[in-house]
């Protein structure tokens, strides 16, 4: 890797080992995430895609290895410095993880009050902006998570992930459970936010349409490590049975055809 490539990495994972009891999920795993890219993490069931995300954001402490974010060794930082660094992360969990007893606006305002120290009134004003940024109508802020559709829950969770103006957005299966139209709209929203806000986006996904539509590079988890991390074209050409089945099976071909189809006039 050249010095220029190294300096462009916002995340560098080296020698990562994740183990739960006797089960080793990752062994000697290396991964680079470049500034400003949308990187999709894919892999078969049990390859530890979400575990990898949680290890990078600090929710899971690996058994070995290092995680450098913005040049800082996340695992070695003292608590105060680590907390400051983690405030540069926005995380959207697979199920949304919204507090059911709070309205959408209160969910989004919470990190602004707890971590940014804003007064409630100021946090509420900023929360309204984030809710709009996530593509929700203004009246969504007054609703509770139970009152929202699946797509609105995802957008509400995205608004909360954007609350502290993160530099890196982590998304865990963001389109899971959405209908094709809702998933496509969410993909376009992520692309727009990346371009408008200069975000780096780390997506755990199995959605081939997402991968073909908005991804810059794809990292494939297999054999307890990152088997390949490259452009979609290079990854799809990799000589591996799972990759062939995933990218060249019926769904992979359909997603590729849809991504390259001409737009309606």
C-alpha atoms as a PDB file:
ATOM      1  CA  UNK A   1       0.000   0.000   0.000  1.00  0.00           C
ATOM      2  CA  UNK A   2       1.318   3.430  -0.900  1.00  0.00           C
ATOM      3  CA  UNK A   3       1.588   6.311   1.562  1.00  0.00           C
ATOM      4  CA  UNK A   4      -1.228   8.056  -0.291  1.00  0.00           C
ATOM      5  CA  UNK A   5      -3.529   5.076   0.108  1.00  0.00           C
ATOM      6  CA  UNK A   6      -2.671   4.752   3.792  1.00  0.00           C
ATOM      7  CA  UNK A   7      -3.438   8.415   4.465  1.00  0.00           C
ATOM      8  CA  UNK A   8      -6.809   8.079   2.730  1.00  0.00           C
ATOM      9  CA  UNK A   9      -7.940   5.313   5.071  1.00  0.00           C
ATOM     10  CA  UNK A  10     -10.271   6.409   7.854  1.00  0.00           C
ATOM     11  CA  UNK A  11     -10.480   2.876   9.280  1.00  0.00           C
ATOM     12  CA  UNK A  12      -7.662   0.333   9.418  1.00  0.00           C
ATOM     13  CA  UNK A  13      -8.303  -3.048  11.016  1.00  0.00           C
ATOM     14  CA  UNK A  14      -5.307  -5.316  11.475  1.00  0.00           C
ATOM     15  CA  UNK A  15      -5.055  -8.871  12.784  1.00  0.00           C
ATOM     16  CA  UNK A  16      -8.556  -8.854  14.235  1.00  0.00           C
ATOM     17  CA  UNK A  17      -9.630 -11.912  16.178  1.00  0.00           C
ATOM     18  CA  UNK A  18     -13.173 -12.235  17.477  1.00  0.00           C
ATOM     19  CA  UNK A  19     -13.971 -15.269  19.578  1.00  0.00           C
ATOM     20  CA  UNK A  20     -17.000 -16.258  21.636  1.00  0.00           C
ATOM     21  CA  UNK A  21     -16.163 -19.221  23.804  1.00  0.00           C
ATOM     22  CA  UNK A  22     -14.708 -21.882  21.551  1.00  0.00           C
ATOM     23  CA  UNK A  23     -16.153 -20.275  18.428  1.00  0.00           C
ATOM     24  CA  UNK A  24     -13.643 -18.203  16.459  1.00  0.00           C
ATOM     25  CA  UNK A  25     -15.540 -15.816  14.187  1.00  0.00           C
ATOM     26  CA  UNK A  26     -12.613 -13.799  12.816  1.00  0.00           C
ATOM     27  CA  UNK A  27      -8.922 -14.659  12.684  1.00  0.00           C
ATOM     28  CA  UNK A  28      -6.153 -12.348  11.414  1.00  0.00           C
ATOM     29  CA  UNK A  29      -8.732 -10.153   9.698  1.00  0.00           C
ATOM     30  CA  UNK A  30      -7.483  -7.021   7.925  1.00  0.00           C
ATOM     31  CA  UNK A  31      -9.693  -4.298   6.469  1.00  0.00           C
ATOM     32  CA  UNK A  32      -9.247  -0.764   5.133  1.00  0.00           C
ATOM     33  CA  UNK A  33     -12.064   1.740   4.686  1.00  0.00           C
ATOM     34  CA  UNK A  34     -11.246   4.790   2.580  1.00  0.00           C
ATOM     35  CA  UNK A  35     -12.384   8.321   3.259  1.00  0.00           C
ATOM     36  CA  UNK A  36     -15.579   9.233   1.432  1.00  0.00           C
ATOM     37  CA  UNK A  37     -16.358   5.780   0.054  1.00  0.00           C
ATOM     38  CA  UNK A  38     -19.419   3.600   0.448  1.00  0.00           C
ATOM     39  CA  UNK A  39     -18.103   0.172   1.436  1.00  0.00           C
ATOM     40  CA  UNK A  40     -20.440  -2.816   1.561  1.00  0.00           C
ATOM     41  CA  UNK A  41     -19.629  -5.776   3.806  1.00  0.00           C
ATOM     42  CA  UNK A  42     -21.072  -9.058   2.536  1.00  0.00           C
ATOM     43  CA  UNK A  43     -20.688 -12.688   3.486  1.00  0.00           C
ATOM     44  CA  UNK A  44     -22.554 -15.865   4.238  1.00  0.00           C
ATOM     45  CA  UNK A  45     -24.491 -16.538   7.414  1.00  0.00           C
ATOM     46  CA  UNK A  46     -22.214 -16.771  10.435  1.00  0.00           C
ATOM     47  CA  UNK A  47     -19.285 -14.876   8.911  1.00  0.00           C
ATOM     48  CA  UNK A  48     -19.596 -12.143  11.538  1.00  0.00           C
ATOM     49  CA  UNK A  49     -20.583  -9.129   9.478  1.00  0.00           C
ATOM     50  CA  UNK A  50     -22.383  -7.392  12.342  1.00  0.00           C
ATOM     51  CA  UNK A  51     -19.695  -8.523  14.784  1.00  0.00           C
ATOM     52  CA  UNK A  52     -17.118  -6.741  12.637  1.00  0.00           C
ATOM     53  CA  UNK A  53     -19.195  -3.554  12.650  1.00  0.00           C
ATOM     54  CA  UNK A  54     -19.605  -3.738  16.422  1.00  0.00           C
ATOM     55  CA  UNK A  55     -15.865  -4.271  16.866  1.00  0.00           C
ATOM     56  CA  UNK A  56     -15.077  -1.142  14.859  1.00  0.00           C
ATOM     57  CA  UNK A  57     -17.573   1.104  16.668  1.00  0.00           C
ATOM     58  CA  UNK A  58     -16.440  -0.114  20.078  1.00  0.00           C
ATOM     59  CA  UNK A  59     -19.420  -2.251  21.112  1.00  0.00           C
ATOM     60  CA  UNK A  60     -17.457  -5.498  20.976  1.00  0.00           C
ATOM     61  CA  UNK A  61     -13.890  -5.854  22.259  1.00  0.00           C
ATOM     62  CA  UNK A  62     -11.927  -8.249  20.040  1.00  0.00           C
ATOM     63  CA  UNK A  63      -9.682 -10.942  21.478  1.00  0.00           C
ATOM     64  CA  UNK A  64      -6.730  -9.652  19.442  1.00  0.00           C
ATOM     65  CA  UNK A  65      -5.805  -7.125  16.784  1.00  0.00           C
ATOM     66  CA  UNK A  66      -6.058  -3.373  16.390  1.00  0.00           C
ATOM     67  CA  UNK A  67      -8.707  -0.974  15.126  1.00  0.00           C
ATOM     68  CA  UNK A  68      -7.386   2.425  14.030  1.00  0.00           C
ATOM     69  CA  UNK A  69      -9.947   5.113  13.217  1.00  0.00           C
ATOM     70  CA  UNK A  70      -8.720   8.514  11.999  1.00  0.00           C
ATOM     71  CA  UNK A  71      -5.227   7.308  12.908  1.00  0.00           C
ATOM     72  CA  UNK A  72      -6.157   6.611  16.549  1.00  0.00           C
ATOM     73  CA  UNK A  73      -5.932   3.148  18.108  1.00  0.00           C
ATOM     74  CA  UNK A  74      -9.518   2.872  19.320  1.00  0.00           C
ATOM     75  CA  UNK A  75      -8.831  -0.003  21.705  1.00  0.00           C
ATOM     76  CA  UNK A  76      -5.943   1.774  23.435  1.00  0.00           C
ATOM     77  CA  UNK A  77      -7.514   5.190  23.985  1.00  0.00           C
ATOM     78  CA  UNK A  78      -8.443   6.350  27.493  1.00  0.00           C
ATOM     79  CA  UNK A  79     -12.213   6.523  28.056  1.00  0.00           C
ATOM     80  CA  UNK A  80     -12.620  10.283  27.513  1.00  0.00           C
ATOM     81  CA  UNK A  81     -10.629  10.300  24.261  1.00  0.00           C
ATOM     82  CA  UNK A  82     -12.413   7.192  23.057  1.00  0.00           C
ATOM     83  CA  UNK A  83     -15.788   8.760  23.764  1.00  0.00           C
ATOM     84  CA  UNK A  84     -14.823  11.846  21.742  1.00  0.00           C
ATOM     85  CA  UNK A  85     -13.764   9.667  18.820  1.00  0.00           C
ATOM     86  CA  UNK A  86     -16.916   7.568  18.938  1.00  0.00           C
ATOM     87  CA  UNK A  87     -19.034  10.721  18.699  1.00  0.00           C
ATOM     88  CA  UNK A  88     -17.754  10.948  15.130  1.00  0.00           C
ATOM     89  CA  UNK A  89     -19.656   7.708  14.378  1.00  0.00           C
ATOM     90  CA  UNK A  90     -23.303   7.474  13.403  1.00  0.00           C
ATOM     91  CA  UNK A  91     -24.759   3.979  13.752  1.00  0.00           C
ATOM     92  CA  UNK A  92     -28.013   2.609  12.361  1.00  0.00           C
ATOM     93  CA  UNK A  93     -28.747  -0.799  13.867  1.00  0.00           C
ATOM     94  CA  UNK A  94     -30.666  -3.451  11.964  1.00  0.00           C
ATOM     95  CA  UNK A  95     -33.867  -3.153  13.997  1.00  0.00           C
ATOM     96  CA  UNK A  96     -33.566   0.610  14.405  1.00  0.00           C
ATOM     97  CA  UNK A  97     -33.000   0.343  18.188  1.00  0.00           C
ATOM     98  CA  UNK A  98     -35.215   3.342  18.860  1.00  0.00           C
ATOM     99  CA  UNK A  99     -36.496   3.871  22.385  1.00  0.00           C
ATOM    100  CA  UNK A 100     -40.157   2.850  22.210  1.00  0.00           C
ATOM    101  CA  UNK A 101     -41.159   5.184  25.058  1.00  0.00           C
ATOM    102  CA  UNK A 102     -39.799   8.269  23.272  1.00  0.00           C
ATOM    103  CA  UNK A 103     -41.138  10.061  20.228  1.00  0.00           C
ATOM    104  CA  UNK A 104     -39.022  10.211  17.087  1.00  0.00           C
ATOM    105  CA  UNK A 105     -38.003  13.772  17.923  1.00  0.00           C
ATOM    106  CA  UNK A 106     -37.044  12.761  21.458  1.00  0.00           C
ATOM    107  CA  UNK A 107     -35.022   9.805  20.134  1.00  0.00           C
ATOM    108  CA  UNK A 108     -33.078  12.103  17.810  1.00  0.00           C
ATOM    109  CA  UNK A 109     -32.634  14.819  20.452  1.00  0.00           C
ATOM    110  CA  UNK A 110     -31.312  12.408  23.087  1.00  0.00           C
ATOM    111  CA  UNK A 111     -27.702  12.163  21.838  1.00  0.00           C
ATOM    112  CA  UNK A 112     -27.644  15.946  21.351  1.00  0.00           C
ATOM    113  CA  UNK A 113     -28.533  16.421  25.008  1.00  0.00           C
ATOM    114  CA  UNK A 114     -26.432  13.587  26.439  1.00  0.00           C
ATOM    115  CA  UNK A 115     -23.300  13.889  24.316  1.00  0.00           C
ATOM    116  CA  UNK A 116     -23.315  17.436  22.935  1.00  0.00           C
ATOM    117  CA  UNK A 117     -24.691  19.016  26.093  1.00  0.00           C
ATOM    118  CA  UNK A 118     -27.398  21.004  24.318  1.00  0.00           C
ATOM    119  CA  UNK A 119     -30.405  22.401  26.081  1.00  0.00           C
ATOM    120  CA  UNK A 120     -33.665  20.608  25.353  1.00  0.00           C
ATOM    121  CA  UNK A 121     -35.052  23.435  23.215  1.00  0.00           C
ATOM    122  CA  UNK A 122     -31.899  23.637  21.071  1.00  0.00           C
ATOM    123  CA  UNK A 123     -31.763  19.860  20.752  1.00  0.00           C
ATOM    124  CA  UNK A 124     -35.394  19.815  19.610  1.00  0.00           C
ATOM    125  CA  UNK A 125     -34.683  22.358  16.869  1.00  0.00           C
ATOM    126  CA  UNK A 126     -31.695  20.371  15.616  1.00  0.00           C
ATOM    127  CA  UNK A 127     -33.661  17.133  15.825  1.00  0.00           C
ATOM    128  CA  UNK A 128     -36.288  18.606  13.510  1.00  0.00           C
ATOM    129  CA  UNK A 129     -33.556  19.375  10.966  1.00  0.00           C
ATOM    130  CA  UNK A 130     -32.162  15.831  11.156  1.00  0.00           C
ATOM    131  CA  UNK A 131     -35.650  14.362  10.768  1.00  0.00           C
ATOM    132  CA  UNK A 132     -36.113  16.400   7.588  1.00  0.00           C
ATOM    133  CA  UNK A 133     -32.637  15.415   6.385  1.00  0.00           C
ATOM    134  CA  UNK A 134     -33.637  11.749   6.710  1.00  0.00           C
ATOM    135  CA  UNK A 135     -36.602  12.361   4.420  1.00  0.00           C
ATOM    136  CA  UNK A 136     -39.361  12.202   7.023  1.00  0.00           C
ATOM    137  CA  UNK A 137     -42.304  14.606   7.183  1.00  0.00           C
ATOM    138  CA  UNK A 138     -42.239  17.157   9.999  1.00  0.00           C
ATOM    139  CA  UNK A 139     -45.126  15.503  11.861  1.00  0.00           C
ATOM    140  CA  UNK A 140     -43.126  12.261  12.154  1.00  0.00           C
ATOM    141  CA  UNK A 141     -41.250  13.825  15.047  1.00  0.00           C
ATOM    142  CA  UNK A 142     -44.346  13.618  17.245  1.00  0.00           C
ATOM    143  CA  UNK A 143     -44.953   9.933  16.551  1.00  0.00           C
ATOM    144  CA  UNK A 144     -43.750   6.955  18.567  1.00  0.00           C
ATOM    145  CA  UNK A 145     -41.781   4.127  16.886  1.00  0.00           C
ATOM    146  CA  UNK A 146     -44.786   1.788  17.159  1.00  0.00           C
ATOM    147  CA  UNK A 147     -46.775   4.210  14.997  1.00  0.00           C
ATOM    148  CA  UNK A 148     -44.287   4.126  12.118  1.00  0.00           C
ATOM    149  CA  UNK A 149     -43.971   1.900   9.078  1.00  0.00           C
ATOM    150  CA  UNK A 150     -40.811  -0.144   8.633  1.00  0.00           C
ATOM    151  CA  UNK A 151     -39.395   2.375   6.200  1.00  0.00           C
ATOM    152  CA  UNK A 152     -40.124   5.277   8.528  1.00  0.00           C
ATOM    153  CA  UNK A 153     -38.431   3.461  11.417  1.00  0.00           C
ATOM    154  CA  UNK A 154     -35.300   3.123   9.280  1.00  0.00           C
ATOM    155  CA  UNK A 155     -35.374   6.827   8.454  1.00  0.00           C
ATOM    156  CA  UNK A 156     -35.999   7.787  12.071  1.00  0.00           C
ATOM    157  CA  UNK A 157     -33.030   5.668  13.118  1.00  0.00           C
ATOM    158  CA  UNK A 158     -30.989   7.321  10.364  1.00  0.00           C
ATOM    159  CA  UNK A 159     -31.971  10.765  11.684  1.00  0.00           C
ATOM    160  CA  UNK A 160     -30.690   9.758  15.107  1.00  0.00           C
ATOM    161  CA  UNK A 161     -27.473   8.384  13.584  1.00  0.00           C
ATOM    162  CA  UNK A 162     -26.953  11.784  11.922  1.00  0.00           C
ATOM    163  CA  UNK A 163     -27.688  13.750  15.107  1.00  0.00           C
ATOM    164  CA  UNK A 164     -24.073  14.481  16.057  1.00  0.00           C
ATOM    165  CA  UNK A 165     -22.897  15.255  12.497  1.00  0.00           C
ATOM    166  CA  UNK A 166     -20.804  12.082  12.162  1.00  0.00           C
ATOM    167  CA  UNK A 167     -17.895  11.599   9.816  1.00  0.00           C
ATOM    168  CA  UNK A 168     -18.573   7.873   9.397  1.00  0.00           C
ATOM    169  CA  UNK A 169     -22.012   6.311   9.033  1.00  0.00           C
ATOM    170  CA  UNK A 170     -22.351   2.634   9.982  1.00  0.00           C
ATOM    171  CA  UNK A 171     -25.442   0.879   8.632  1.00  0.00           C
ATOM    172  CA  UNK A 172     -26.408  -2.675   9.627  1.00  0.00           C
ATOM    173  CA  UNK A 173     -28.755  -4.181   7.011  1.00  0.00           C
ATOM    174  CA  UNK A 174     -30.427  -0.812   6.350  1.00  0.00           C
ATOM    175  CA  UNK A 175     -32.858  -2.093   3.711  1.00  0.00           C
ATOM    176  CA  UNK A 176     -33.804  -5.368   5.427  1.00  0.00           C
ATOM    177  CA  UNK A 177     -37.568  -5.696   5.643  1.00  0.00           C
ATOM    178  CA  UNK A 178     -38.280  -2.868   3.222  1.00  0.00           C
ATOM    179  CA  UNK A 179     -40.270  -3.310   0.040  1.00  0.00           C
ATOM    180  CA  UNK A 180     -38.300  -2.798  -3.210  1.00  0.00           C
ATOM    181  CA  UNK A 181     -39.524   0.772  -3.706  1.00  0.00           C
ATOM    182  CA  UNK A 182     -38.724   1.743  -0.118  1.00  0.00           C
ATOM    183  CA  UNK A 183     -35.330   0.063  -0.292  1.00  0.00           C
ATOM    184  CA  UNK A 184     -34.444   1.849  -3.541  1.00  0.00           C
ATOM    185  CA  UNK A 185     -35.476   5.196  -2.045  1.00  0.00           C
ATOM    186  CA  UNK A 186     -33.345   4.520   1.031  1.00  0.00           C
ATOM    187  CA  UNK A 187     -30.358   3.659  -1.157  1.00  0.00           C
ATOM    188  CA  UNK A 188     -30.687   6.960  -2.995  1.00  0.00           C
ATOM    189  CA  UNK A 189     -30.983   8.825   0.305  1.00  0.00           C
ATOM    190  CA  UNK A 190     -27.713   7.309   1.535  1.00  0.00           C
ATOM    191  CA  UNK A 191     -25.993   8.225  -1.721  1.00  0.00           C
ATOM    192  CA  UNK A 192     -27.299  11.800  -1.507  1.00  0.00           C
ATOM    193  CA  UNK A 193     -26.221  12.177   2.133  1.00  0.00           C
ATOM    194  CA  UNK A 194     -22.753  10.789   1.379  1.00  0.00           C
ATOM    195  CA  UNK A 195     -22.260  13.273  -1.434  1.00  0.00           C
ATOM    196  CA  UNK A 196     -23.796  16.247   0.384  1.00  0.00           C
ATOM    197  CA  UNK A 197     -22.165  15.712   3.785  1.00  0.00           C
ATOM    198  CA  UNK A 198     -18.887  14.103   2.748  1.00  0.00           C
ATOM    199  CA  UNK A 199     -19.606  10.974   4.778  1.00  0.00           C
ATOM    200  CA  UNK A 200     -17.773   7.687   4.745  1.00  0.00           C
ATOM    201  CA  UNK A 201     -20.386   4.899   4.745  1.00  0.00           C
ATOM    202  CA  UNK A 202     -19.850   1.353   6.058  1.00  0.00           C
ATOM    203  CA  UNK A 203     -22.781  -0.913   5.150  1.00  0.00           C
ATOM    204  CA  UNK A 204     -23.425  -4.463   6.293  1.00  0.00           C
ATOM    205  CA  UNK A 205     -25.855  -5.773   3.699  1.00  0.00           C
ATOM    206  CA  UNK A 206     -27.079  -8.746   1.739  1.00  0.00           C
ATOM    207  CA  UNK A 207     -29.088  -6.536  -0.634  1.00  0.00           C
ATOM    208  CA  UNK A 208     -27.643  -6.993  -4.108  1.00  0.00           C
ATOM    209  CA  UNK A 209     -29.546  -3.985  -5.423  1.00  0.00           C
ATOM    210  CA  UNK A 210     -27.872  -1.785  -2.793  1.00  0.00           C
ATOM    211  CA  UNK A 211     -24.484  -3.197  -3.702  1.00  0.00           C
ATOM    212  CA  UNK A 212     -24.949  -2.580  -7.429  1.00  0.00           C
ATOM    213  CA  UNK A 213     -26.533   0.855  -6.990  1.00  0.00           C
ATOM    214  CA  UNK A 214     -24.446   2.780  -4.469  1.00  0.00           C
ATOM    215  CA  UNK A 215     -21.358   0.804  -3.459  1.00  0.00           C
ATOM    216  CA  UNK A 216     -17.838   1.943  -4.317  1.00  0.00           C
ATOM    217  CA  UNK A 217     -16.129  -1.187  -3.005  1.00  0.00           C
ATOM    218  CA  UNK A 218     -17.225  -4.541  -1.583  1.00  0.00           C
ATOM    219  CA  UNK A 219     -15.497  -6.500   1.188  1.00  0.00           C
ATOM    220  CA  UNK A 220     -16.336 -10.206   1.313  1.00  0.00           C
ATOM    221  CA  UNK A 221     -16.094 -12.010   4.649  1.00  0.00           C
ATOM    222  CA  UNK A 222     -15.199 -15.681   4.285  1.00  0.00           C
ATOM    223  CA  UNK A 223     -12.869 -18.135   5.983  1.00  0.00           C
ATOM    224  CA  UNK A 224     -12.852 -15.896   9.118  1.00  0.00           C
ATOM    225  CA  UNK A 225     -11.221 -12.991   7.274  1.00  0.00           C
ATOM    226  CA  UNK A 226     -11.748 -10.468   4.480  1.00  0.00           C
ATOM    227  CA  UNK A 227     -11.303 -12.609   1.407  1.00  0.00           C
ATOM    228  CA  UNK A 228     -11.322  -9.684  -1.016  1.00  0.00           C
ATOM    229  CA  UNK A 229     -11.985  -5.939  -0.757  1.00  0.00           C
ATOM    230  CA  UNK A 230     -12.250  -4.268  -4.140  1.00  0.00           C
ATOM    231  CA  UNK A 231     -14.588  -2.828  -6.735  1.00  0.00           C
ATOM    232  CA  UNK A 232     -17.714  -4.804  -7.503  1.00  0.00           C
ATOM    233  CA  UNK A 233     -16.322  -5.862 -10.868  1.00  0.00           C
ATOM    234  CA  UNK A 234     -13.083  -7.173  -9.323  1.00  0.00           C
ATOM    235  CA  UNK A 235     -14.895  -8.931  -6.499  1.00  0.00           C
ATOM    236  CA  UNK A 236     -17.395 -10.577  -8.847  1.00  0.00           C
ATOM    237  CA  UNK A 237     -14.462 -11.910 -10.901  1.00  0.00           C
ATOM    238  CA  UNK A 238     -12.828 -13.552  -7.869  1.00  0.00           C
ATOM    239  CA  UNK A 239     -12.454 -17.315  -8.153  1.00  0.00           C
ATOM    240  CA  UNK A 240     -14.442 -18.398  -5.107  1.00  0.00           C
ATOM    241  CA  UNK A 241     -17.502 -20.646  -4.952  1.00  0.00           C
ATOM    242  CA  UNK A 242     -19.551 -18.447  -2.595  1.00  0.00           C
ATOM    243  CA  UNK A 243     -18.771 -15.315  -4.591  1.00  0.00           C
ATOM    244  CA  UNK A 244     -19.793 -17.036  -7.828  1.00  0.00           C
ATOM    245  CA  UNK A 245     -23.072 -18.215  -6.303  1.00  0.00           C
ATOM    246  CA  UNK A 246     -23.798 -14.829  -4.727  1.00  0.00           C
ATOM    247  CA  UNK A 247     -22.919 -12.437  -7.534  1.00  0.00           C
ATOM    248  CA  UNK A 248     -23.624 -14.656 -10.542  1.00  0.00           C
ATOM    249  CA  UNK A 249     -26.735 -16.480  -9.341  1.00  0.00           C
ATOM    250  CA  UNK A 250     -30.231 -15.485 -10.522  1.00  0.00           C
ATOM    251  CA  UNK A 251     -30.604 -12.632  -8.026  1.00  0.00           C
ATOM    252  CA  UNK A 252     -27.134 -11.326  -8.724  1.00  0.00           C
ATOM    253  CA  UNK A 253     -27.777 -11.286 -12.448  1.00  0.00           C
ATOM    254  CA  UNK A 254     -31.117  -9.549 -11.935  1.00  0.00           C
ATOM    255  CA  UNK A 255     -29.551  -6.876  -9.735  1.00  0.00           C
ATOM    256  CA  UNK A 256     -26.781  -6.294 -12.248  1.00  0.00           C
ATOM    257  CA  UNK A 257     -29.288  -5.991 -15.087  1.00  0.00           C
ATOM    258  CA  UNK A 258     -31.390  -3.528 -13.089  1.00  0.00           C
ATOM    259  CA  UNK A 259     -28.352  -1.403 -12.235  1.00  0.00           C
ATOM    260  CA  UNK A 260     -27.366  -1.127 -15.889  1.00  0.00           C
ATOM    261  CA  UNK A 261     -30.839  -0.709 -17.333  1.00  0.00           C
ATOM    262  CA  UNK A 262     -31.475   2.652 -19.034  1.00  0.00           C
ATOM    263  CA  UNK A 263     -33.646   5.048 -17.056  1.00  0.00           C
ATOM    264  CA  UNK A 264     -37.161   5.675 -18.261  1.00  0.00           C
ATOM    265  CA  UNK A 265     -37.372   8.808 -20.406  1.00  0.00           C
END
